[in-house]
Amino acid sequence: MNEHDNARAYWRATLRLVTGCLIVWFLVSYGLGILLVDELNRFSLGGYPLGFWFAQQGSIYVFVVLIFFYTHRMKKLDRKFDVHED
């Protein structure tokens, strides 16, 4: 594999990772916090309706987890494609 092919494969893997993270974030924040709020409000978490919790707190927690997941996976990708900064 030449350098150009390696760069294209790295970019493709990076875009796949970013797309996956954005899809998860969208599903949690928009899907659970807005579209499914009425169905989720039938349940409670800590005394609050679950739909309200996802809209106010859950999507933020998922976003923070996604940041750590993204950095962990990018470090692995950087090492795999030998573009890391060690």
PDB file of N, CA and C in Angstrom:
ATOM      1  N   MET A   1       0.856  -1.180   0.000  1.00  0.00           N
ATOM      2  CA  MET A   1       0.000   0.000   0.000  1.00  0.00           C
ATOM      3  C   MET A   1       0.896   1.235   0.000  1.00  0.00           C
ATOM      4  N   ASN A   2       0.677   2.128  -0.958  1.00  0.00           N
ATOM      5  CA  ASN A   2       1.502   3.333  -1.011  1.00  0.00           C
ATOM      6  C   ASN A   2       0.956   4.387  -0.049  1.00  0.00           C
ATOM      7  N   GLU A   3       1.664   5.493   0.041  1.00  0.00           N
ATOM      8  CA  GLU A   3       1.310   6.545   1.001  1.00  0.00           C
ATOM      9  C   GLU A   3      -0.059   7.158   0.705  1.00  0.00           C
ATOM     10  N   HIS A   4      -0.373   7.324  -0.573  1.00  0.00           N
ATOM     11  CA  HIS A   4      -1.662   7.899  -0.952  1.00  0.00           C
ATOM     12  C   HIS A   4      -2.825   6.982  -0.546  1.00  0.00           C
ATOM     13  N   ASP A   5      -2.676   5.691  -0.807  1.00  0.00           N
ATOM     14  CA  ASP A   5      -3.715   4.728  -0.418  1.00  0.00           C
ATOM     15  C   ASP A   5      -3.861   4.666   1.097  1.00  0.00           C
ATOM     16  N   ASN A   6      -2.741   4.744   1.808  1.00  0.00           N
ATOM     17  CA  ASN A   6      -2.770   4.734   3.269  1.00  0.00           C
ATOM     18  C   ASN A   6      -3.512   5.963   3.798  1.00  0.00           C
ATOM     19  N   ALA A   7      -3.250   7.127   3.194  1.00  0.00           N
ATOM     20  CA  ALA A   7      -3.926   8.357   3.616  1.00  0.00           C
ATOM     21  C   ALA A   7      -5.427   8.277   3.332  1.00  0.00           C
ATOM     22  N   ARG A   8      -5.797   7.711   2.192  1.00  0.00           N
ATOM     23  CA  ARG A   8      -7.226   7.562   1.866  1.00  0.00           C
ATOM     24  C   ARG A   8      -7.914   6.602   2.831  1.00  0.00           C
ATOM     25  N   ALA A   9      -7.250   5.507   3.174  1.00  0.00           N
ATOM     26  CA  ALA A   9      -7.825   4.539   4.113  1.00  0.00           C
ATOM     27  C   ALA A   9      -7.965   5.162   5.504  1.00  0.00           C
ATOM     28  N   TYR A  10      -6.978   5.947   5.906  1.00  0.00           N
ATOM     29  CA  TYR A  10      -7.039   6.628   7.201  1.00  0.00           C
ATOM     30  C   TYR A  10      -8.197   7.627   7.225  1.00  0.00           C
ATOM     31  N   TRP A  11      -8.339   8.390   6.166  1.00  0.00           N
ATOM     32  CA  TRP A  11      -9.419   9.381   6.090  1.00  0.00           C
ATOM     33  C   TRP A  11     -10.780   8.685   6.087  1.00  0.00           C
ATOM     34  N   ARG A  12     -10.906   7.591   5.359  1.00  0.00           N
ATOM     35  CA  ARG A  12     -12.153   6.834   5.309  1.00  0.00           C
ATOM     36  C   ARG A  12     -12.507   6.282   6.699  1.00  0.00           C
ATOM     37  N   ALA A  13     -11.529   5.744   7.416  1.00  0.00           N
ATOM     38  CA  ALA A  13     -11.765   5.223   8.769  1.00  0.00           C
ATOM     39  C   ALA A  13     -12.144   6.350   9.726  1.00  0.00           C
ATOM     40  N   THR A  14     -11.501   7.500   9.579  1.00  0.00           N
ATOM     41  CA  THR A  14     -11.817   8.650  10.433  1.00  0.00           C
ATOM     42  C   THR A  14     -13.234   9.137  10.178  1.00  0.00           C
ATOM     43  N   LEU A  15     -13.626   9.247   8.917  1.00  0.00           N
ATOM     44  CA  LEU A  15     -14.992   9.673   8.585  1.00  0.00           C
ATOM     45  C   LEU A  15     -16.026   8.671   9.096  1.00  0.00           C
ATOM     46  N   ARG A  16     -15.720   7.387   9.015  1.00  0.00           N
ATOM     47  CA  ARG A  16     -16.629   6.365   9.520  1.00  0.00           C
ATOM     48  C   ARG A  16     -16.824   6.523  11.027  1.00  0.00           C
ATOM     49  N   LEU A  17     -15.740   6.785  11.756  1.00  0.00           N
ATOM     50  CA  LEU A  17     -15.811   6.979  13.202  1.00  0.00           C
ATOM     51  C   LEU A  17     -16.634   8.221  13.549  1.00  0.00           C
ATOM     52  N   VAL A  18     -16.366   9.327  12.882  1.00  0.00           N
ATOM     53  CA  VAL A  18     -17.091  10.577  13.147  1.00  0.00           C
ATOM     54  C   VAL A  18     -18.573  10.405  12.813  1.00  0.00           C
ATOM     55  N   THR A  19     -18.871   9.771  11.695  1.00  0.00           N
ATOM     56  CA  THR A  19     -20.262   9.543  11.303  1.00  0.00           C
ATOM     57  C   THR A  19     -20.989   8.691  12.337  1.00  0.00           C
ATOM     58  N   GLY A  20     -20.343   7.639  12.810  1.00  0.00           N
ATOM     59  CA  GLY A  20     -20.949   6.790  13.829  1.00  0.00           C
ATOM     60  C   GLY A  20     -21.230   7.544  15.113  1.00  0.00           C
ATOM     61  N   CYS A  21     -20.287   8.364  15.548  1.00  0.00           N
ATOM     62  CA  CYS A  21     -20.481   9.166  16.768  1.00  0.00           C
ATOM     63  C   CYS A  21     -21.621  10.160  16.592  1.00  0.00           C
ATOM     64  N   LEU A  22     -21.699  10.795  15.433  1.00  0.00           N
ATOM     65  CA  LEU A  22     -22.773  11.758  15.186  1.00  0.00           C
ATOM     66  C   LEU A  22     -24.146  11.081  15.130  1.00  0.00           C
ATOM     67  N   ILE A  23     -24.196   9.886  14.583  1.00  0.00           N
ATOM     68  CA  ILE A  23     -25.460   9.154  14.529  1.00  0.00           C
ATOM     69  C   ILE A  23     -25.929   8.812  15.935  1.00  0.00           C
ATOM     70  N   VAL A  24     -25.020   8.316  16.772  1.00  0.00           N
ATOM     71  CA  VAL A  24     -25.383   7.992  18.153  1.00  0.00           C
ATOM     72  C   VAL A  24     -25.853   9.244  18.873  1.00  0.00           C
ATOM     73  N   TRP A  25     -25.120  10.335  18.728  1.00  0.00           N
ATOM     74  CA  TRP A  25     -25.496  11.586  19.394  1.00  0.00           C
ATOM     75  C   TRP A  25     -26.867  12.070  18.918  1.00  0.00           C
ATOM     76  N   PHE A  26     -27.109  11.998  17.617  1.00  0.00           N
ATOM     77  CA  PHE A  26     -28.397  12.404  17.073  1.00  0.00           C
ATOM     78  C   PHE A  26     -29.527  11.540  17.619  1.00  0.00           C
ATOM     79  N   LEU A  27     -29.330  10.224  17.616  1.00  0.00           N
ATOM     80  CA  LEU A  27     -30.376   9.328  18.098  1.00  0.00           C
ATOM     81  C   LEU A  27     -30.712   9.581  19.565  1.00  0.00           C
ATOM     82  N   VAL A  28     -29.694   9.829  20.362  1.00  0.00           N
ATOM     83  CA  VAL A  28     -29.940  10.059  21.790  1.00  0.00           C
ATOM     84  C   VAL A  28     -30.558  11.431  22.019  1.00  0.00           C
ATOM     85  N   SER A  29     -29.987  12.468  21.430  1.00  0.00           N
ATOM     86  CA  SER A  29     -30.486  13.817  21.722  1.00  0.00           C
ATOM     87  C   SER A  29     -31.814  14.111  21.032  1.00  0.00           C
ATOM     88  N   TYR A  30     -31.929  13.808  19.754  1.00  0.00           N
ATOM     89  CA  TYR A  30     -33.160  14.113  19.035  1.00  0.00           C
ATOM     90  C   TYR A  30     -34.191  12.998  19.200  1.00  0.00           C
ATOM     91  N   GLY A  31     -33.735  11.761  19.009  1.00  0.00           N
ATOM     92  CA  GLY A  31     -34.661  10.636  19.079  1.00  0.00           C
ATOM     93  C   GLY A  31     -35.241  10.426  20.467  1.00  0.00           C
ATOM     94  N   LEU A  32     -34.370  10.293  21.471  1.00  0.00           N
ATOM     95  CA  LEU A  32     -34.851  10.039  22.827  1.00  0.00           C
ATOM     96  C   LEU A  32     -35.308  11.302  23.536  1.00  0.00           C
ATOM     97  N   GLY A  33     -34.701  12.428  23.221  1.00  0.00           N
ATOM     98  CA  GLY A  33     -35.051  13.671  23.906  1.00  0.00           C
ATOM     99  C   GLY A  33     -36.233  14.417  23.324  1.00  0.00           C
ATOM    100  N   ILE A  34     -36.581  14.138  22.060  1.00  0.00           N
ATOM    101  CA  ILE A  34     -37.670  14.876  21.424  1.00  0.00           C
ATOM    102  C   ILE A  34     -38.737  13.930  20.853  1.00  0.00           C
ATOM    103  N   LEU A  35     -38.335  13.023  19.971  1.00  0.00           N
ATOM    104  CA  LEU A  35     -39.315  12.180  19.289  1.00  0.00           C
ATOM    105  C   LEU A  35     -39.993  11.170  20.213  1.00  0.00           C
ATOM    106  N   LEU A  36     -39.236  10.539  21.079  1.00  0.00           N
ATOM    107  CA  LEU A  36     -39.784   9.487  21.934  1.00  0.00           C
ATOM    108  C   LEU A  36     -40.028   9.950  23.368  1.00  0.00           C
ATOM    109  N   VAL A  37     -40.081  11.250  23.579  1.00  0.00           N
ATOM    110  CA  VAL A  37     -40.190  11.782  24.936  1.00  0.00           C
ATOM    111  C   VAL A  37     -41.465  11.315  25.637  1.00  0.00           C
ATOM    112  N   ASP A  38     -42.579  11.270  24.938  1.00  0.00           N
ATOM    113  CA  ASP A  38     -43.838  10.868  25.570  1.00  0.00           C
ATOM    114  C   ASP A  38     -43.805   9.400  26.014  1.00  0.00           C
ATOM    115  N   GLU A  39     -43.240   8.549  25.161  1.00  0.00           N
ATOM    116  CA  GLU A  39     -43.141   7.133  25.525  1.00  0.00           C
ATOM    117  C   GLU A  39     -42.176   6.931  26.682  1.00  0.00           C
ATOM    118  N   LEU A  40     -41.061   7.666  26.683  1.00  0.00           N
ATOM    119  CA  LEU A  40     -40.076   7.526  27.758  1.00  0.00           C
ATOM    120  C   LEU A  40     -40.568   8.120  29.071  1.00  0.00           C
ATOM    121  N   ASN A  41     -41.452   9.091  29.004  1.00  0.00           N
ATOM    122  CA  ASN A  41     -41.958   9.717  30.225  1.00  0.00           C
ATOM    123  C   ASN A  41     -42.828   8.778  31.057  1.00  0.00           C
ATOM    124  N   ARG A  42     -43.170   7.633  30.528  1.00  0.00           N
ATOM    125  CA  ARG A  42     -43.899   6.635  31.306  1.00  0.00           C
ATOM    126  C   ARG A  42     -43.016   6.039  32.405  1.00  0.00           C
ATOM    127  N   PHE A  43     -41.704   6.169  32.235  1.00  0.00           N
ATOM    128  CA  PHE A  43     -40.738   5.657  33.202  1.00  0.00           C
ATOM    129  C   PHE A  43     -40.076   6.844  33.889  1.00  0.00           C
ATOM    130  N   SER A  44     -39.497   6.592  35.046  1.00  0.00           N
ATOM    131  CA  SER A  44     -38.809   7.689  35.732  1.00  0.00           C
ATOM    132  C   SER A  44     -37.399   7.260  36.111  1.00  0.00           C
ATOM    133  N   LEU A  45     -36.551   8.243  36.264  1.00  0.00           N
ATOM    134  CA  LEU A  45     -35.166   8.037  36.673  1.00  0.00           C
ATOM    135  C   LEU A  45     -34.840   9.107  37.699  1.00  0.00           C
ATOM    136  N   GLY A  46     -34.619   8.679  38.925  1.00  0.00           N
ATOM    137  CA  GLY A  46     -34.320   9.631  39.992  1.00  0.00           C
ATOM    138  C   GLY A  46     -35.492  10.550  40.305  1.00  0.00           C
ATOM    139  N   GLY A  47     -36.709  10.068  40.076  1.00  0.00           N
ATOM    140  CA  GLY A  47     -37.887  10.879  40.357  1.00  0.00           C
ATOM    141  C   GLY A  47     -38.320  11.775  39.211  1.00  0.00           C
ATOM    142  N   TYR A  48     -37.590  11.765  38.114  1.00  0.00           N
ATOM    143  CA  TYR A  48     -37.926  12.600  36.958  1.00  0.00           C
ATOM    144  C   TYR A  48     -38.363  11.711  35.807  1.00  0.00           C
ATOM    145  N   PRO A  49     -39.273  12.193  34.972  1.00  0.00           N
ATOM    146  CA  PRO A  49     -39.665  11.412  33.789  1.00  0.00           C
ATOM    147  C   PRO A  49     -38.437  11.151  32.906  1.00  0.00           C
ATOM    148  N   LEU A  50     -38.326   9.930  32.407  1.00  0.00           N
ATOM    149  CA  LEU A  50     -37.133   9.534  31.640  1.00  0.00           C
ATOM    150  C   LEU A  50     -36.942  10.379  30.387  1.00  0.00           C
ATOM    151  N   GLY A  51     -38.020  10.731  29.701  1.00  0.00           N
ATOM    152  CA  GLY A  51     -37.897  11.585  28.509  1.00  0.00           C
ATOM    153  C   GLY A  51     -37.336  12.947  28.842  1.00  0.00           C
ATOM    154  N   PHE A  52     -37.808  13.522  29.933  1.00  0.00           N
ATOM    155  CA  PHE A  52     -37.282  14.806  30.390  1.00  0.00           C
ATOM    156  C   PHE A  52     -35.806  14.670  30.748  1.00  0.00           C
ATOM    157  N   TRP A  53     -35.448  13.572  31.426  1.00  0.00           N
ATOM    158  CA  TRP A  53     -34.059  13.358  31.837  1.00  0.00           C
ATOM    159  C   TRP A  53     -33.156  13.279  30.619  1.00  0.00           C
ATOM    160  N   PHE A  54     -33.569  12.518  29.583  1.00  0.00           N
ATOM    161  CA  PHE A  54     -32.743  12.418  28.373  1.00  0.00           C
ATOM    162  C   PHE A  54     -32.612  13.765  27.693  1.00  0.00           C
ATOM    163  N   ALA A  55     -33.675  14.535  27.665  1.00  0.00           N
ATOM    164  CA  ALA A  55     -33.620  15.844  27.009  1.00  0.00           C
ATOM    165  C   ALA A  55     -32.711  16.804  27.767  1.00  0.00           C
ATOM    166  N   GLN A  56     -32.690  16.719  29.088  1.00  0.00           N
ATOM    167  CA  GLN A  56     -31.924  17.672  29.900  1.00  0.00           C
ATOM    168  C   GLN A  56     -30.528  17.186  30.266  1.00  0.00           C
ATOM    169  N   GLN A  57     -30.382  15.914  30.598  1.00  0.00           N
ATOM    170  CA  GLN A  57     -29.108  15.415  31.100  1.00  0.00           C
ATOM    171  C   GLN A  57     -28.515  14.290  30.258  1.00  0.00           C
ATOM    172  N   GLY A  58     -29.345  13.356  29.860  1.00  0.00           N
ATOM    173  CA  GLY A  58     -28.864  12.154  29.191  1.00  0.00           C
ATOM    174  C   GLY A  58     -28.060  12.416  27.942  1.00  0.00           C
ATOM    175  N   SER A  59     -28.519  13.332  27.112  1.00  0.00           N
ATOM    176  CA  SER A  59     -27.795  13.613  25.872  1.00  0.00           C
ATOM    177  C   SER A  59     -26.436  14.246  26.164  1.00  0.00           C
ATOM    178  N   ILE A  60     -26.349  15.012  27.238  1.00  0.00           N
ATOM    179  CA  ILE A  60     -25.060  15.614  27.615  1.00  0.00           C
ATOM    180  C   ILE A  60     -24.099  14.528  28.082  1.00  0.00           C
ATOM    181  N   TYR A  61     -24.600  13.599  28.911  1.00  0.00           N
ATOM    182  CA  TYR A  61     -23.750  12.489  29.379  1.00  0.00           C
ATOM    183  C   TYR A  61     -23.268  11.638  28.209  1.00  0.00           C
ATOM    184  N   VAL A  62     -24.172  11.347  27.283  1.00  0.00           N
ATOM    185  CA  VAL A  62     -23.782  10.555  26.113  1.00  0.00           C
ATOM    186  C   VAL A  62     -22.745  11.309  25.295  1.00  0.00           C
ATOM    187  N   PHE A  63     -22.900  12.616  25.147  1.00  0.00           N
ATOM    188  CA  PHE A  63     -21.928  13.416  24.406  1.00  0.00           C
ATOM    189  C   PHE A  63     -20.544  13.330  25.052  1.00  0.00           C
ATOM    190  N   VAL A  64     -20.473  13.431  26.373  1.00  0.00           N
ATOM    191  CA  VAL A  64     -19.181  13.339  27.073  1.00  0.00           C
ATOM    192  C   VAL A  64     -18.570  11.949  26.878  1.00  0.00           C
ATOM    193  N   VAL A  65     -19.389  10.906  26.972  1.00  0.00           N
ATOM    194  CA  VAL A  65     -18.886   9.547  26.740  1.00  0.00           C
ATOM    195  C   VAL A  65     -18.385   9.413  25.308  1.00  0.00           C
ATOM    196  N   LEU A  66     -19.095  10.000  24.357  1.00  0.00           N
ATOM    197  CA  LEU A  66     -18.665   9.950  22.953  1.00  0.00           C
ATOM    198  C   LEU A  66     -17.323  10.650  22.746  1.00  0.00           C
ATOM    199  N   ILE A  67     -17.058  11.714  23.480  1.00  0.00           N
ATOM    200  CA  ILE A  67     -15.763  12.398  23.370  1.00  0.00           C
ATOM    201  C   ILE A  67     -14.641  11.456  23.775  1.00  0.00           C
ATOM    202  N   PHE A  68     -14.813  10.780  24.907  1.00  0.00           N
ATOM    203  CA  PHE A  68     -13.778   9.839  25.356  1.00  0.00           C
ATOM    204  C   PHE A  68     -13.656   8.652  24.406  1.00  0.00           C
ATOM    205  N   PHE A  69     -14.781   8.140  23.913  1.00  0.00           N
ATOM    206  CA  PHE A  69     -14.765   7.049  22.947  1.00  0.00           C
ATOM    207  C   PHE A  69     -14.027   7.474  21.675  1.00  0.00           C
ATOM    208  N   TYR A  70     -14.327   8.680  21.192  1.00  0.00           N
ATOM    209  CA  TYR A  70     -13.694   9.183  19.974  1.00  0.00           C
ATOM    210  C   TYR A  70     -12.176   9.303  20.143  1.00  0.00           C
ATOM    211  N   THR A  71     -11.732   9.863  21.258  1.00  0.00           N
ATOM    212  CA  THR A  71     -10.285  10.018  21.454  1.00  0.00           C
ATOM    213  C   THR A  71      -9.601   8.661  21.566  1.00  0.00           C
ATOM    214  N   HIS A  72     -10.250   7.713  22.232  1.00  0.00           N
ATOM    215  CA  HIS A  72      -9.674   6.368  22.358  1.00  0.00           C
ATOM    216  C   HIS A  72      -9.547   5.709  20.986  1.00  0.00           C
ATOM    217  N   ARG A  73     -10.621   5.773  20.193  1.00  0.00           N
ATOM    218  CA  ARG A  73     -10.597   5.149  18.869  1.00  0.00           C
ATOM    219  C   ARG A  73      -9.635   5.864  17.913  1.00  0.00           C
ATOM    220  N   MET A  74      -9.535   7.188  18.005  1.00  0.00           N
ATOM    221  CA  MET A  74      -8.610   7.908  17.134  1.00  0.00           C
ATOM    222  C   MET A  74      -7.164   7.561  17.454  1.00  0.00           C
ATOM    223  N   LYS A  75      -6.856   7.368  18.735  1.00  0.00           N
ATOM    224  CA  LYS A  75      -5.502   6.946  19.093  1.00  0.00           C
ATOM    225  C   LYS A  75      -5.183   5.593  18.467  1.00  0.00           C
ATOM    226  N   LYS A  76      -6.167   4.688  18.479  1.00  0.00           N
ATOM    227  CA  LYS A  76      -5.958   3.376  17.856  1.00  0.00           C
ATOM    228  C   LYS A  76      -5.780   3.515  16.344  1.00  0.00           C
ATOM    229  N   LEU A  77      -6.607   4.355  15.722  1.00  0.00           N
ATOM    230  CA  LEU A  77      -6.477   4.564  14.277  1.00  0.00           C
ATOM    231  C   LEU A  77      -5.137   5.206  13.933  1.00  0.00           C
ATOM    232  N   ASP A  78      -4.705   6.172  14.720  1.00  0.00           N
ATOM    233  CA  ASP A  78      -3.423   6.830  14.470  1.00  0.00           C
ATOM    234  C   ASP A  78      -2.272   5.833  14.525  1.00  0.00           C
ATOM    235  N   ARG A  79      -2.332   4.928  15.485  1.00  0.00           N
ATOM    236  CA  ARG A  79      -1.274   3.914  15.577  1.00  0.00           C
ATOM    237  C   ARG A  79      -1.366   2.922  14.417  1.00  0.00           C
ATOM    238  N   LYS A  80      -2.578   2.533  14.069  1.00  0.00           N
ATOM    239  CA  LYS A  80      -2.765   1.572  12.979  1.00  0.00           C
ATOM    240  C   LYS A  80      -2.212   2.113  11.664  1.00  0.00           C
ATOM    241  N   PHE A  81      -2.439   3.396  11.415  1.00  0.00           N
ATOM    242  CA  PHE A  81      -1.986   4.001  10.159  1.00  0.00           C
ATOM    243  C   PHE A  81      -0.658   4.741  10.315  1.00  0.00           C
ATOM    244  N   ASP A  82      -0.023   4.567  11.458  1.00  0.00           N
ATOM    245  CA  ASP A  82       1.307   5.133  11.741  1.00  0.00           C
ATOM    246  C   ASP A  82       1.360   6.651  11.541  1.00  0.00           C
ATOM    247  N   VAL A  83       0.383   7.338  12.128  1.00  0.00           N
ATOM    248  CA  VAL A  83       0.388   8.802  12.102  1.00  0.00           C
ATOM    249  C   VAL A  83       0.339   9.370  13.520  1.00  0.00           C
ATOM    250  N   HIS A  84       0.663   8.539  14.497  1.00  0.00           N
ATOM    251  CA  HIS A  84       0.594   8.975  15.910  1.00  0.00           C
ATOM    252  C   HIS A  84       1.789   9.853  16.259  1.00  0.00           C
ATOM    253  N   GLU A  85       1.646  10.573  17.368  1.00  0.00           N
ATOM    254  CA  GLU A  85       2.678  11.510  17.815  1.00  0.00           C
ATOM    255  C   GLU A  85       3.317  11.009  19.111  1.00  0.00           C
ATOM    256  N   ASP A  86       4.107   9.996  19.037  1.00  0.00           N
ATOM    257  CA  ASP A  86       4.792   9.489  20.246  1.00  0.00           C
ATOM    258  C   ASP A  86       6.204   9.947  20.317  1.00  0.00           C
TER     259      ASP A  86
END
